[in-house]
Amino acid sequence: MKIEAETLARILRLIVDVGPEEIGCDECYQHLDYFAELTLRGKNASEILPLVQDHLKRCKGCREEFEVLLAALNASEAPSGELR
């Protein structure tokens, strides 16, 4: 199996860029509902949960999960602005 030089360079950059305070998908998923609720309420979720925000920037799968969750919560929002 051959890996193109550009792909290998991207993989190496991701490995090198891993920070000591980074979280994985499992931990991100544990906080995703709270992060979405904060976002819907207009709070600065990235300030409150910066490691989740950082993970969402890096992980396409978790970011997609967040977007689906956010859309579902938006759809279930009551007219008064409160969640059902």
C-alpha atoms as a PDB file:
ATOM      1  CA  MET A   1       0.000   0.000   0.000  1.00  0.00           C
ATOM      2  CA  LYS A   2       1.470   3.319  -1.075  1.00  0.00           C
ATOM      3  CA  ILE A   3       0.753   6.548   0.760  1.00  0.00           C
ATOM      4  CA  GLU A   4       1.206   9.781  -1.125  1.00  0.00           C
ATOM      5  CA  ALA A   5       3.726  12.212   0.329  1.00  0.00           C
ATOM      6  CA  GLU A   6       1.068  14.881   0.902  1.00  0.00           C
ATOM      7  CA  THR A   7      -1.159  12.450   2.808  1.00  0.00           C
ATOM      8  CA  LEU A   8       1.751  11.270   4.909  1.00  0.00           C
ATOM      9  CA  ALA A   9       2.714  14.879   5.677  1.00  0.00           C
ATOM     10  CA  ARG A  10      -0.857  15.627   6.849  1.00  0.00           C
ATOM     11  CA  ILE A  11      -0.868  12.562   9.085  1.00  0.00           C
ATOM     12  CA  LEU A  12       2.451  13.530  10.620  1.00  0.00           C
ATOM     13  CA  ARG A  13       1.242  17.101  11.239  1.00  0.00           C
ATOM     14  CA  LEU A  14      -1.823  15.751  13.049  1.00  0.00           C
ATOM     15  CA  ILE A  15       0.380  13.556  15.233  1.00  0.00           C
ATOM     16  CA  VAL A  16       2.745  16.396  16.059  1.00  0.00           C
ATOM     17  CA  ASP A  17      -0.123  18.827  16.727  1.00  0.00           C
ATOM     18  CA  VAL A  18      -1.687  16.625  19.412  1.00  0.00           C
ATOM     19  CA  GLY A  19      -1.759  18.640  22.610  1.00  0.00           C
ATOM     20  CA  PRO A  20      -1.494  17.338  26.153  1.00  0.00           C
ATOM     21  CA  GLU A  21      -4.986  18.628  26.983  1.00  0.00           C
ATOM     22  CA  GLU A  22      -6.711  17.185  23.944  1.00  0.00           C
ATOM     23  CA  ILE A  23      -9.776  14.964  24.301  1.00  0.00           C
ATOM     24  CA  GLY A  24     -10.850  12.000  22.197  1.00  0.00           C
ATOM     25  CA  CYS A  25     -14.145  11.205  20.526  1.00  0.00           C
ATOM     26  CA  ASP A  26     -15.585   9.344  23.531  1.00  0.00           C
ATOM     27  CA  GLU A  27     -15.030  12.253  25.904  1.00  0.00           C
ATOM     28  CA  CYS A  28     -16.232  14.770  23.326  1.00  0.00           C
ATOM     29  CA  TYR A  29     -19.413  12.759  22.815  1.00  0.00           C
ATOM     30  CA  GLN A  30     -20.078  12.781  26.573  1.00  0.00           C
ATOM     31  CA  HIS A  31     -20.240  16.595  26.516  1.00  0.00           C
ATOM     32  CA  LEU A  32     -21.849  17.101  23.111  1.00  0.00           C
ATOM     33  CA  ASP A  33     -25.415  17.532  24.362  1.00  0.00           C
ATOM     34  CA  TYR A  34     -24.373  20.184  26.889  1.00  0.00           C
ATOM     35  CA  PHE A  35     -22.267  21.943  24.245  1.00  0.00           C
ATOM     36  CA  ALA A  36     -25.276  22.003  21.891  1.00  0.00           C
ATOM     37  CA  GLU A  37     -27.616  23.304  24.596  1.00  0.00           C
ATOM     38  CA  LEU A  38     -25.179  26.086  25.468  1.00  0.00           C
ATOM     39  CA  THR A  39     -24.927  27.004  21.794  1.00  0.00           C
ATOM     40  CA  LEU A  40     -28.708  27.135  21.408  1.00  0.00           C
ATOM     41  CA  ARG A  41     -29.031  29.357  24.461  1.00  0.00           C
ATOM     42  CA  GLY A  42     -26.572  31.836  22.977  1.00  0.00           C
ATOM     43  CA  LYS A  43     -23.833  31.051  25.489  1.00  0.00           C
ATOM     44  CA  ASN A  44     -20.199  30.906  24.452  1.00  0.00           C
ATOM     45  CA  ALA A  45     -19.906  27.117  24.458  1.00  0.00           C
ATOM     46  CA  SER A  46     -16.338  27.226  23.151  1.00  0.00           C
ATOM     47  CA  GLU A  47     -15.291  29.327  26.145  1.00  0.00           C
ATOM     48  CA  ILE A  48     -17.066  27.044  28.615  1.00  0.00           C
ATOM     49  CA  LEU A  49     -15.904  23.783  26.981  1.00  0.00           C
ATOM     50  CA  PRO A  50     -12.777  24.701  25.000  1.00  0.00           C
ATOM     51  CA  LEU A  51     -11.548  21.120  24.647  1.00  0.00           C
ATOM     52  CA  VAL A  52     -14.831  20.086  23.041  1.00  0.00           C
ATOM     53  CA  GLN A  53     -14.614  23.039  20.642  1.00  0.00           C
ATOM     54  CA  ASP A  54     -11.035  22.113  19.766  1.00  0.00           C
ATOM     55  CA  HIS A  55     -12.035  18.502  19.136  1.00  0.00           C
ATOM     56  CA  LEU A  56     -14.944  19.552  16.922  1.00  0.00           C
ATOM     57  CA  LYS A  57     -12.521  21.601  14.818  1.00  0.00           C
ATOM     58  CA  ARG A  58     -10.294  18.567  14.342  1.00  0.00           C
ATOM     59  CA  CYS A  59     -12.790  15.695  14.050  1.00  0.00           C
ATOM     60  CA  LYS A  60     -15.192  15.585  11.122  1.00  0.00           C
ATOM     61  CA  GLY A  61     -17.252  12.733  12.607  1.00  0.00           C
ATOM     62  CA  CYS A  62     -17.883  14.473  15.929  1.00  0.00           C
ATOM     63  CA  ARG A  63     -18.555  17.772  14.174  1.00  0.00           C
ATOM     64  CA  GLU A  64     -21.201  16.061  12.024  1.00  0.00           C
ATOM     65  CA  GLU A  65     -22.760  14.502  15.149  1.00  0.00           C
ATOM     66  CA  PHE A  66     -22.856  17.955  16.754  1.00  0.00           C
ATOM     67  CA  GLU A  67     -24.503  19.518  13.703  1.00  0.00           C
ATOM     68  CA  VAL A  68     -27.178  16.792  13.612  1.00  0.00           C
ATOM     69  CA  LEU A  69     -27.828  17.172  17.339  1.00  0.00           C
ATOM     70  CA  LEU A  70     -28.040  20.946  17.013  1.00  0.00           C
ATOM     71  CA  ALA A  71     -30.492  20.635  14.114  1.00  0.00           C
ATOM     72  CA  ALA A  72     -32.645  18.186  16.092  1.00  0.00           C
ATOM     73  CA  LEU A  73     -32.697  20.469  19.118  1.00  0.00           C
ATOM     74  CA  ASN A  74     -33.553  23.450  16.917  1.00  0.00           C
ATOM     75  CA  ALA A  75     -36.427  21.491  15.373  1.00  0.00           C
ATOM     76  CA  SER A  76     -37.806  20.563  18.786  1.00  0.00           C
ATOM     77  CA  GLU A  77     -37.608  24.089  20.161  1.00  0.00           C
ATOM     78  CA  ALA A  78     -40.931  25.346  21.477  1.00  0.00           C
ATOM     79  CA  PRO A  79     -42.328  28.679  20.244  1.00  0.00           C
ATOM     80  CA  SER A  80     -41.542  30.287  23.590  1.00  0.00           C
ATOM     81  CA  GLY A  81     -37.815  29.622  23.018  1.00  0.00           C
ATOM     82  CA  GLU A  82     -37.611  26.824  25.563  1.00  0.00           C
ATOM     83  CA  LEU A  83     -36.672  23.281  24.704  1.00  0.00           C
ATOM     84  CA  ARG A  84     -39.504  20.753  24.904  1.00  0.00           C
END
